[in-house]
Amino acid sequence: MGLIGFALLGLIVGLIARAAVPTGRHYGCLGTIVLGMVGSVVGGTIASVIAGDGLDLKPSGWIGSLLGAVIVLVVIRWKDSSD
């Protein structure tokens, strides 16, 4: 997957994750793309740890990306509520 495809995946996944877990923060288009891309890496890393491959930083597919982005938003929401 090229960088443009990864960014498009990040945008779509970021939009879905933001709809699923509202944080009250306003992310722009770039923030949503970054959220989806970070979620992809988080999801891929968690999948590799579960599979027994160790701590391998790698992007994930649609479902792993969405789960990773939701995890990132839950952590952000938890951090905001503890402040």
N, C-alpha and C. Protein backbone atom coordinates (compact mmCIF):
# COMPACT_ATOMS: atom_id res chain seq x y z
N MET A 1 0.86 -1.17 0.00
CA MET A 1 0.00 0.00 0.00
C MET A 1 0.90 1.23 0.00
N GLY A 2 0.64 2.13 -0.89
CA GLY A 2 1.42 3.35 -0.95
C GLY A 2 0.99 4.35 0.11
N LEU A 3 1.70 5.44 0.15
CA LEU A 3 1.42 6.47 1.15
C LEU A 3 0.03 7.08 0.96
N ILE A 4 -0.38 7.27 -0.28
CA ILE A 4 -1.71 7.84 -0.53
C ILE A 4 -2.80 6.87 -0.08
N GLY A 5 -2.61 5.59 -0.34
CA GLY A 5 -3.57 4.58 0.11
C GLY A 5 -3.63 4.50 1.62
N PHE A 6 -2.45 4.59 2.25
CA PHE A 6 -2.38 4.55 3.71
C PHE A 6 -3.09 5.77 4.31
N ALA A 7 -2.92 6.94 3.68
CA ALA A 7 -3.59 8.16 4.14
C ALA A 7 -5.10 8.06 3.94
N LEU A 8 -5.53 7.48 2.83
CA LEU A 8 -6.96 7.30 2.58
C LEU A 8 -7.57 6.33 3.59
N LEU A 9 -6.86 5.24 3.86
CA LEU A 9 -7.29 4.31 4.90
C LEU A 9 -7.38 5.03 6.24
N GLY A 10 -6.39 5.85 6.55
CA GLY A 10 -6.38 6.60 7.80
C GLY A 10 -7.56 7.55 7.90
N LEU A 11 -7.91 8.22 6.82
CA LEU A 11 -9.05 9.14 6.83
C LEU A 11 -10.34 8.40 7.10
N ILE A 12 -10.57 7.31 6.40
CA ILE A 12 -11.83 6.58 6.57
C ILE A 12 -11.91 5.97 7.96
N VAL A 13 -10.83 5.33 8.39
CA VAL A 13 -10.81 4.71 9.71
C VAL A 13 -10.94 5.77 10.81
N GLY A 14 -10.25 6.89 10.64
CA GLY A 14 -10.34 7.98 11.62
C GLY A 14 -11.74 8.53 11.74
N LEU A 15 -12.44 8.68 10.63
CA LEU A 15 -13.82 9.16 10.67
C LEU A 15 -14.74 8.18 11.39
N ILE A 16 -14.59 6.90 11.10
CA ILE A 16 -15.43 5.89 11.75
C ILE A 16 -15.13 5.84 13.25
N ALA A 17 -13.85 5.88 13.61
CA ALA A 17 -13.47 5.82 15.03
C ALA A 17 -13.97 7.05 15.78
N ARG A 18 -13.87 8.23 15.16
CA ARG A 18 -14.35 9.44 15.82
C ARG A 18 -15.86 9.39 16.02
N ALA A 19 -16.59 8.76 15.10
CA ALA A 19 -18.04 8.62 15.25
C ALA A 19 -18.37 7.63 16.36
N ALA A 20 -17.54 6.60 16.51
CA ALA A 20 -17.79 5.57 17.52
C ALA A 20 -17.43 6.03 18.93
N VAL A 21 -16.36 6.83 19.05
CA VAL A 21 -15.87 7.27 20.36
C VAL A 21 -15.72 8.79 20.34
N PRO A 22 -16.78 9.53 20.66
CA PRO A 22 -16.66 10.98 20.69
C PRO A 22 -15.81 11.45 21.87
N THR A 23 -14.87 12.34 21.59
CA THR A 23 -13.99 12.83 22.65
C THR A 23 -14.26 14.29 23.00
N GLY A 24 -15.03 14.98 22.20
CA GLY A 24 -15.28 16.39 22.44
C GLY A 24 -14.21 17.28 21.84
N ARG A 25 -13.18 16.69 21.27
CA ARG A 25 -12.12 17.45 20.61
C ARG A 25 -12.47 17.63 19.14
N HIS A 26 -11.98 18.69 18.57
CA HIS A 26 -12.19 18.95 17.14
C HIS A 26 -10.90 18.65 16.40
N TYR A 27 -10.93 17.61 15.59
CA TYR A 27 -9.79 17.25 14.76
C TYR A 27 -10.08 17.74 13.35
N GLY A 28 -9.07 18.23 12.71
CA GLY A 28 -9.21 18.60 11.31
C GLY A 28 -9.05 17.38 10.44
N CYS A 29 -9.00 17.59 9.16
CA CYS A 29 -8.82 16.50 8.21
C CYS A 29 -7.47 15.81 8.45
N LEU A 30 -6.43 16.59 8.66
CA LEU A 30 -5.11 16.02 8.89
C LEU A 30 -5.07 15.24 10.20
N GLY A 31 -5.70 15.75 11.23
CA GLY A 31 -5.75 15.06 12.51
C GLY A 31 -6.49 13.74 12.41
N THR A 32 -7.55 13.70 11.60
CA THR A 32 -8.31 12.47 11.40
C THR A 32 -7.48 11.44 10.64
N ILE A 33 -6.73 11.90 9.64
CA ILE A 33 -5.86 11.00 8.89
C ILE A 33 -4.78 10.43 9.81
N VAL A 34 -4.17 11.29 10.61
CA VAL A 34 -3.12 10.83 11.53
C VAL A 34 -3.69 9.85 12.55
N LEU A 35 -4.90 10.13 13.06
CA LEU A 35 -5.55 9.22 13.99
C LEU A 35 -5.70 7.84 13.37
N GLY A 36 -6.19 7.77 12.15
CA GLY A 36 -6.37 6.49 11.47
C GLY A 36 -5.06 5.79 11.21
N MET A 37 -4.02 6.54 10.85
CA MET A 37 -2.71 5.94 10.58
C MET A 37 -2.09 5.41 11.88
N VAL A 38 -2.19 6.17 12.95
CA VAL A 38 -1.68 5.72 14.25
C VAL A 38 -2.48 4.50 14.71
N GLY A 39 -3.78 4.53 14.50
CA GLY A 39 -4.61 3.38 14.84
C GLY A 39 -4.21 2.14 14.07
N SER A 40 -3.81 2.31 12.83
CA SER A 40 -3.36 1.18 12.03
C SER A 40 -2.09 0.56 12.61
N VAL A 41 -1.17 1.41 13.01
CA VAL A 41 0.07 0.90 13.59
C VAL A 41 -0.20 0.25 14.96
N VAL A 42 -1.06 0.87 15.76
CA VAL A 42 -1.41 0.30 17.07
C VAL A 42 -2.09 -1.06 16.87
N GLY A 43 -3.04 -1.13 15.96
CA GLY A 43 -3.74 -2.39 15.69
C GLY A 43 -2.81 -3.46 15.15
N GLY A 44 -1.90 -3.09 14.26
CA GLY A 44 -0.94 -4.06 13.73
C GLY A 44 0.03 -4.56 14.78
N THR A 45 0.45 -3.67 15.66
CA THR A 45 1.36 -4.06 16.73
C THR A 45 0.68 -4.99 17.72
N ILE A 46 -0.54 -4.68 18.09
CA ILE A 46 -1.29 -5.56 19.00
C ILE A 46 -1.50 -6.93 18.35
N ALA A 47 -1.83 -6.95 17.07
CA ALA A 47 -2.04 -8.22 16.37
C ALA A 47 -0.75 -9.04 16.33
N SER A 48 0.40 -8.40 16.12
CA SER A 48 1.65 -9.15 16.08
C SER A 48 2.04 -9.68 17.46
N VAL A 49 1.71 -8.94 18.51
CA VAL A 49 1.97 -9.43 19.87
C VAL A 49 1.07 -10.63 20.18
N ILE A 50 -0.19 -10.55 19.81
CA ILE A 50 -1.12 -11.65 20.05
C ILE A 50 -0.71 -12.88 19.24
N ALA A 51 -0.22 -12.68 18.02
CA ALA A 51 0.19 -13.79 17.16
C ALA A 51 1.51 -14.41 17.61
N GLY A 52 2.19 -13.77 18.54
CA GLY A 52 3.45 -14.32 19.03
C GLY A 52 4.66 -13.90 18.24
N ASP A 53 4.51 -12.87 17.40
CA ASP A 53 5.62 -12.38 16.58
C ASP A 53 6.48 -11.37 17.33
N GLY A 54 6.14 -11.06 18.55
CA GLY A 54 6.88 -10.06 19.31
C GLY A 54 6.34 -8.67 19.05
N LEU A 55 7.08 -7.70 19.49
CA LEU A 55 6.67 -6.30 19.35
C LEU A 55 7.13 -5.79 17.98
N ASP A 56 6.34 -6.09 16.96
CA ASP A 56 6.66 -5.73 15.58
C ASP A 56 5.76 -4.58 15.16
N LEU A 57 6.33 -3.40 14.97
CA LEU A 57 5.54 -2.24 14.55
C LEU A 57 5.23 -2.35 13.07
N LYS A 58 3.95 -2.57 12.76
CA LYS A 58 3.54 -2.68 11.36
C LYS A 58 2.09 -2.24 11.23
N PRO A 59 1.71 -1.75 10.06
CA PRO A 59 0.32 -1.35 9.86
C PRO A 59 -0.59 -2.56 9.77
N SER A 60 -1.86 -2.32 10.00
CA SER A 60 -2.86 -3.38 9.99
C SER A 60 -3.86 -3.15 8.88
N GLY A 61 -4.80 -4.07 8.75
CA GLY A 61 -5.88 -3.92 7.77
C GLY A 61 -6.99 -3.07 8.34
N TRP A 62 -8.15 -3.12 7.71
CA TRP A 62 -9.28 -2.28 8.08
C TRP A 62 -9.73 -2.50 9.52
N ILE A 63 -9.95 -3.75 9.88
CA ILE A 63 -10.48 -4.03 11.21
C ILE A 63 -9.45 -3.72 12.29
N GLY A 64 -8.21 -4.12 12.08
CA GLY A 64 -7.16 -3.81 13.05
C GLY A 64 -6.94 -2.32 13.18
N SER A 65 -7.02 -1.61 12.06
CA SER A 65 -6.86 -0.15 12.09
C SER A 65 -7.97 0.50 12.88
N LEU A 66 -9.19 0.05 12.67
CA LEU A 66 -10.33 0.61 13.38
C LEU A 66 -10.23 0.32 14.88
N LEU A 67 -9.87 -0.90 15.23
CA LEU A 67 -9.72 -1.23 16.66
C LEU A 67 -8.59 -0.41 17.28
N GLY A 68 -7.49 -0.25 16.57
CA GLY A 68 -6.39 0.55 17.08
C GLY A 68 -6.77 2.01 17.26
N ALA A 69 -7.51 2.57 16.31
CA ALA A 69 -7.93 3.97 16.41
C ALA A 69 -8.92 4.16 17.56
N VAL A 70 -9.79 3.19 17.76
CA VAL A 70 -10.72 3.27 18.89
C VAL A 70 -9.94 3.21 20.21
N ILE A 71 -8.94 2.35 20.29
CA ILE A 71 -8.10 2.28 21.49
C ILE A 71 -7.42 3.62 21.74
N VAL A 72 -6.88 4.23 20.69
CA VAL A 72 -6.22 5.53 20.83
C VAL A 72 -7.21 6.57 21.35
N LEU A 73 -8.42 6.60 20.81
CA LEU A 73 -9.41 7.58 21.25
C LEU A 73 -9.88 7.31 22.68
N VAL A 74 -9.99 6.05 23.06
CA VAL A 74 -10.38 5.74 24.44
C VAL A 74 -9.30 6.22 25.40
N VAL A 75 -8.04 6.04 25.03
CA VAL A 75 -6.93 6.52 25.87
C VAL A 75 -6.97 8.05 25.97
N ILE A 76 -7.21 8.72 24.85
CA ILE A 76 -7.29 10.19 24.85
C ILE A 76 -8.45 10.64 25.74
N ARG A 77 -9.59 9.98 25.61
CA ARG A 77 -10.77 10.33 26.41
C ARG A 77 -10.51 10.09 27.89
N TRP A 78 -9.85 8.96 28.22
CA TRP A 78 -9.51 8.65 29.61
C TRP A 78 -8.55 9.67 30.18
N LYS A 79 -7.55 10.07 29.37
CA LYS A 79 -6.57 11.06 29.82
C LYS A 79 -7.25 12.42 30.07
N ASP A 80 -8.16 12.81 29.18
CA ASP A 80 -8.88 14.07 29.36
C ASP A 80 -9.76 14.07 30.61
N SER A 81 -10.36 12.93 30.92
CA SER A 81 -11.23 12.88 32.09
C SER A 81 -10.44 12.84 33.40
N SER A 82 -9.18 12.41 33.35
CA SER A 82 -8.38 12.35 34.57
C SER A 82 -7.70 13.68 34.89
N ASP A 83 -7.67 14.60 33.93
CA ASP A 83 -7.03 15.91 34.14
C ASP A 83 -7.90 16.85 34.92
